[in-house]
Amino acid sequence: MFYYVYVLQSLKNDTLYIGFTENLKKRFQEHNRGLNFSTKTFKPWKLIHYEAYLNEKDARRREKYLKTSQGSRLLKRMLKEYFYNNKLKYI
């Protein structure tokens, strides 16, 4: 079984959301159906990045890190071409 850390981008206003799940497909559908309180006002969402981990603690640690300012900068560097091509200059 894998544990996923994922990054979504709102097609409504380019907001980014970082999350963790055991079932990426199901969780992504929940976000787009408006079943998540914190993301429903920004739907629809597009999945722009995910990472898979065998260990749950590793995945949760990564999610927590990506939500920090240092993690946000790393994510911006990792997805530099995506953000450049989509004219997004922030995270």
N, C-alpha and C. Protein backbone atom coordinates (compact mmCIF):
# COMPACT_ATOMS: atom_id res chain seq x y z
N MET A 1 0.84 -1.18 0.00
CA MET A 1 0.00 0.00 0.00
C MET A 1 0.88 1.24 0.00
N PHE A 2 0.45 2.23 -0.78
CA PHE A 2 1.18 3.49 -0.85
C PHE A 2 0.41 4.58 -0.12
N TYR A 3 1.16 5.58 0.32
CA TYR A 3 0.61 6.79 0.92
C TYR A 3 1.07 7.94 0.03
N TYR A 4 0.16 8.85 -0.25
CA TYR A 4 0.43 9.90 -1.23
C TYR A 4 0.40 11.29 -0.61
N VAL A 5 1.35 12.10 -1.05
CA VAL A 5 1.35 13.54 -0.78
C VAL A 5 1.09 14.17 -2.15
N TYR A 6 0.14 15.08 -2.19
CA TYR A 6 -0.26 15.61 -3.50
C TYR A 6 -0.42 17.12 -3.45
N VAL A 7 -0.33 17.71 -4.63
CA VAL A 7 -0.52 19.16 -4.78
C VAL A 7 -1.61 19.38 -5.81
N LEU A 8 -2.62 20.13 -5.42
CA LEU A 8 -3.71 20.49 -6.32
C LEU A 8 -3.63 21.97 -6.64
N GLN A 9 -4.10 22.32 -7.82
CA GLN A 9 -4.20 23.72 -8.22
C GLN A 9 -5.65 24.00 -8.55
N SER A 10 -6.19 25.06 -8.00
CA SER A 10 -7.56 25.47 -8.30
C SER A 10 -7.62 26.06 -9.70
N LEU A 11 -8.57 25.58 -10.48
CA LEU A 11 -8.78 26.16 -11.81
C LEU A 11 -9.57 27.45 -11.73
N LYS A 12 -10.10 27.73 -10.56
CA LYS A 12 -10.89 28.94 -10.33
C LYS A 12 -9.99 30.16 -10.11
N ASN A 13 -8.95 30.00 -9.26
CA ASN A 13 -8.10 31.15 -8.95
C ASN A 13 -6.62 30.81 -8.74
N ASP A 14 -6.19 29.63 -9.18
CA ASP A 14 -4.78 29.20 -9.11
C ASP A 14 -4.27 28.92 -7.70
N THR A 15 -5.15 28.87 -6.71
CA THR A 15 -4.75 28.52 -5.35
C THR A 15 -4.16 27.12 -5.34
N LEU A 16 -3.13 26.91 -4.52
CA LEU A 16 -2.55 25.57 -4.38
C LEU A 16 -2.98 24.96 -3.05
N TYR A 17 -3.12 23.64 -3.05
CA TYR A 17 -3.48 22.89 -1.85
C TYR A 17 -2.58 21.67 -1.77
N ILE A 18 -2.00 21.43 -0.61
CA ILE A 18 -1.13 20.27 -0.37
C ILE A 18 -1.85 19.35 0.60
N GLY A 19 -1.90 18.06 0.26
CA GLY A 19 -2.61 17.12 1.11
C GLY A 19 -1.94 15.75 1.17
N PHE A 20 -2.53 14.89 1.97
CA PHE A 20 -2.05 13.52 2.20
C PHE A 20 -3.24 12.58 2.09
N THR A 21 -3.03 11.39 1.51
CA THR A 21 -4.09 10.40 1.44
C THR A 21 -3.54 9.01 1.18
N GLU A 22 -4.37 8.01 1.43
CA GLU A 22 -4.03 6.63 1.09
C GLU A 22 -4.63 6.26 -0.27
N ASN A 23 -5.66 6.98 -0.70
CA ASN A 23 -6.33 6.68 -1.97
C ASN A 23 -6.41 7.98 -2.78
N LEU A 24 -5.45 8.18 -3.64
CA LEU A 24 -5.32 9.45 -4.36
C LEU A 24 -6.51 9.71 -5.29
N LYS A 25 -6.93 8.71 -6.03
CA LYS A 25 -8.04 8.89 -6.97
C LYS A 25 -9.32 9.30 -6.24
N LYS A 26 -9.63 8.59 -5.16
CA LYS A 26 -10.84 8.88 -4.38
C LYS A 26 -10.77 10.28 -3.76
N ARG A 27 -9.61 10.61 -3.20
CA ARG A 27 -9.45 11.91 -2.54
C ARG A 27 -9.58 13.06 -3.54
N PHE A 28 -9.00 12.88 -4.72
CA PHE A 28 -9.10 13.90 -5.76
C PHE A 28 -10.56 14.13 -6.16
N GLN A 29 -11.31 13.06 -6.31
CA GLN A 29 -12.74 13.17 -6.63
C GLN A 29 -13.50 13.88 -5.51
N GLU A 30 -13.15 13.60 -4.26
CA GLU A 30 -13.80 14.26 -3.13
C GLU A 30 -13.57 15.77 -3.17
N HIS A 31 -12.35 16.18 -3.50
CA HIS A 31 -12.05 17.61 -3.60
C HIS A 31 -12.92 18.26 -4.68
N ASN A 32 -13.05 17.60 -5.82
CA ASN A 32 -13.81 18.19 -6.92
C ASN A 32 -15.32 18.10 -6.74
N ARG A 33 -15.78 17.24 -5.87
CA ARG A 33 -17.21 17.17 -5.55
C ARG A 33 -17.59 18.15 -4.45
N GLY A 34 -16.60 18.80 -3.86
CA GLY A 34 -16.86 19.76 -2.79
C GLY A 34 -17.08 19.12 -1.44
N LEU A 35 -16.56 17.91 -1.22
CA LEU A 35 -16.75 17.20 0.04
C LEU A 35 -15.73 17.59 1.11
N ASN A 36 -14.73 18.38 0.74
CA ASN A 36 -13.73 18.85 1.68
C ASN A 36 -14.02 20.32 1.99
N PHE A 37 -14.27 20.63 3.26
CA PHE A 37 -14.65 21.99 3.66
C PHE A 37 -13.62 23.03 3.23
N SER A 38 -12.34 22.73 3.40
CA SER A 38 -11.31 23.74 3.14
C SER A 38 -11.04 23.96 1.65
N THR A 39 -11.51 23.08 0.78
CA THR A 39 -11.22 23.26 -0.64
C THR A 39 -12.45 23.45 -1.52
N LYS A 40 -13.64 23.30 -0.96
CA LYS A 40 -14.83 23.31 -1.82
C LYS A 40 -15.09 24.65 -2.51
N THR A 41 -14.71 25.75 -1.90
CA THR A 41 -14.98 27.05 -2.53
C THR A 41 -14.03 27.35 -3.69
N PHE A 42 -12.97 26.57 -3.84
CA PHE A 42 -11.98 26.82 -4.89
C PHE A 42 -12.04 25.79 -6.01
N LYS A 43 -13.03 24.90 -6.00
CA LYS A 43 -13.12 23.88 -7.04
C LYS A 43 -13.52 24.49 -8.37
N PRO A 44 -13.19 23.90 -9.48
CA PRO A 44 -12.58 22.59 -9.67
C PRO A 44 -11.07 22.63 -9.47
N TRP A 45 -10.52 21.46 -9.19
CA TRP A 45 -9.10 21.29 -8.93
C TRP A 45 -8.45 20.45 -10.02
N LYS A 46 -7.15 20.66 -10.16
CA LYS A 46 -6.35 19.84 -11.07
C LYS A 46 -5.16 19.33 -10.27
N LEU A 47 -4.83 18.06 -10.44
CA LEU A 47 -3.68 17.46 -9.77
C LEU A 47 -2.43 17.84 -10.55
N ILE A 48 -1.48 18.51 -9.89
CA ILE A 48 -0.27 18.95 -10.61
C ILE A 48 0.98 18.21 -10.15
N HIS A 49 0.91 17.53 -8.99
CA HIS A 49 2.09 16.82 -8.50
C HIS A 49 1.66 15.84 -7.42
N TYR A 50 2.33 14.69 -7.39
CA TYR A 50 2.15 13.78 -6.25
C TYR A 50 3.40 12.94 -6.04
N GLU A 51 3.56 12.47 -4.83
CA GLU A 51 4.67 11.61 -4.45
C GLU A 51 4.08 10.43 -3.69
N ALA A 52 4.63 9.24 -3.92
CA ALA A 52 4.14 8.02 -3.27
C ALA A 52 5.18 7.52 -2.28
N TYR A 53 4.72 7.10 -1.11
CA TYR A 53 5.59 6.60 -0.05
C TYR A 53 5.07 5.26 0.46
N LEU A 54 5.98 4.40 0.85
CA LEU A 54 5.60 3.11 1.44
C LEU A 54 5.28 3.25 2.92
N ASN A 55 5.85 4.25 3.56
CA ASN A 55 5.66 4.44 4.99
C ASN A 55 4.80 5.67 5.25
N GLU A 56 3.76 5.50 6.05
CA GLU A 56 2.83 6.60 6.33
C GLU A 56 3.52 7.78 7.01
N LYS A 57 4.41 7.49 7.95
CA LYS A 57 5.08 8.57 8.67
C LYS A 57 5.95 9.41 7.73
N ASP A 58 6.59 8.76 6.77
CA ASP A 58 7.39 9.50 5.79
C ASP A 58 6.51 10.43 4.97
N ALA A 59 5.36 9.94 4.55
CA ALA A 59 4.45 10.75 3.74
C ALA A 59 3.91 11.94 4.56
N ARG A 60 3.52 11.69 5.79
CA ARG A 60 3.00 12.79 6.63
C ARG A 60 4.07 13.84 6.91
N ARG A 61 5.30 13.37 7.11
CA ARG A 61 6.42 14.29 7.35
C ARG A 61 6.65 15.16 6.11
N ARG A 62 6.57 14.54 4.93
CA ARG A 62 6.77 15.28 3.68
C ARG A 62 5.66 16.32 3.47
N GLU A 63 4.41 15.92 3.74
CA GLU A 63 3.29 16.86 3.61
C GLU A 63 3.51 18.07 4.53
N LYS A 64 3.86 17.80 5.76
CA LYS A 64 4.08 18.87 6.73
C LYS A 64 5.21 19.79 6.26
N TYR A 65 6.28 19.20 5.71
CA TYR A 65 7.41 19.99 5.23
C TYR A 65 7.00 20.87 4.04
N LEU A 66 6.27 20.31 3.09
CA LEU A 66 5.87 21.08 1.91
C LEU A 66 4.96 22.25 2.26
N LYS A 67 4.32 22.20 3.41
CA LYS A 67 3.45 23.29 3.85
C LYS A 67 4.23 24.40 4.55
N THR A 68 5.52 24.21 4.79
CA THR A 68 6.35 25.26 5.38
C THR A 68 6.85 26.20 4.29
N SER A 69 7.41 27.32 4.68
CA SER A 69 7.93 28.25 3.68
C SER A 69 9.11 27.64 2.92
N GLN A 70 9.96 26.90 3.62
CA GLN A 70 11.09 26.25 2.96
C GLN A 70 10.59 25.18 1.99
N GLY A 71 9.59 24.42 2.38
CA GLY A 71 9.02 23.39 1.52
C GLY A 71 8.34 24.00 0.31
N SER A 72 7.70 25.13 0.50
CA SER A 72 7.05 25.84 -0.59
C SER A 72 8.08 26.28 -1.63
N ARG A 73 9.22 26.75 -1.16
CA ARG A 73 10.29 27.15 -2.08
C ARG A 73 10.82 25.94 -2.85
N LEU A 74 10.96 24.80 -2.17
CA LEU A 74 11.41 23.58 -2.84
C LEU A 74 10.41 23.17 -3.91
N LEU A 75 9.14 23.20 -3.57
CA LEU A 75 8.10 22.83 -4.53
C LEU A 75 8.14 23.76 -5.74
N LYS A 76 8.35 25.03 -5.50
CA LYS A 76 8.44 26.00 -6.59
C LYS A 76 9.62 25.68 -7.51
N ARG A 77 10.75 25.26 -6.93
CA ARG A 77 11.91 24.88 -7.74
C ARG A 77 11.65 23.58 -8.49
N MET A 78 11.01 22.61 -7.82
CA MET A 78 10.73 21.32 -8.45
C MET A 78 9.79 21.47 -9.64
N LEU A 79 8.83 22.36 -9.54
CA LEU A 79 7.82 22.54 -10.58
C LEU A 79 8.03 23.84 -11.35
N LYS A 80 9.26 24.28 -11.42
CA LYS A 80 9.59 25.57 -12.02
C LYS A 80 9.03 25.71 -13.44
N GLU A 81 9.22 24.72 -14.28
CA GLU A 81 8.75 24.81 -15.66
C GLU A 81 7.23 24.84 -15.72
N TYR A 82 6.57 24.07 -14.87
CA TYR A 82 5.11 24.08 -14.84
C TYR A 82 4.60 25.47 -14.48
N PHE A 83 5.14 26.05 -13.42
CA PHE A 83 4.69 27.37 -12.99
C PHE A 83 5.02 28.43 -14.04
N TYR A 84 6.19 28.32 -14.66
CA TYR A 84 6.57 29.29 -15.69
C TYR A 84 5.62 29.20 -16.89
N ASN A 85 5.35 27.99 -17.34
CA ASN A 85 4.49 27.79 -18.52
C ASN A 85 3.05 28.17 -18.24
N ASN A 86 2.65 28.15 -16.99
CA ASN A 86 1.28 28.50 -16.63
C ASN A 86 1.19 29.89 -16.00
N LYS A 87 2.30 30.63 -16.07
CA LYS A 87 2.36 32.01 -15.60
C LYS A 87 2.01 32.16 -14.13
N LEU A 88 2.34 31.14 -13.33
CA LEU A 88 2.12 31.23 -11.89
C LEU A 88 3.45 31.59 -11.25
N LYS A 89 3.45 32.63 -10.50
CA LYS A 89 4.69 33.11 -9.90
C LYS A 89 4.67 33.01 -8.39
N TYR A 90 3.76 32.24 -7.84
CA TYR A 90 3.65 32.14 -6.40
C TYR A 90 3.24 30.74 -5.98
N ILE A 91 3.42 30.48 -4.70
CA ILE A 91 2.93 29.24 -4.09
C ILE A 91 2.35 29.62 -2.75
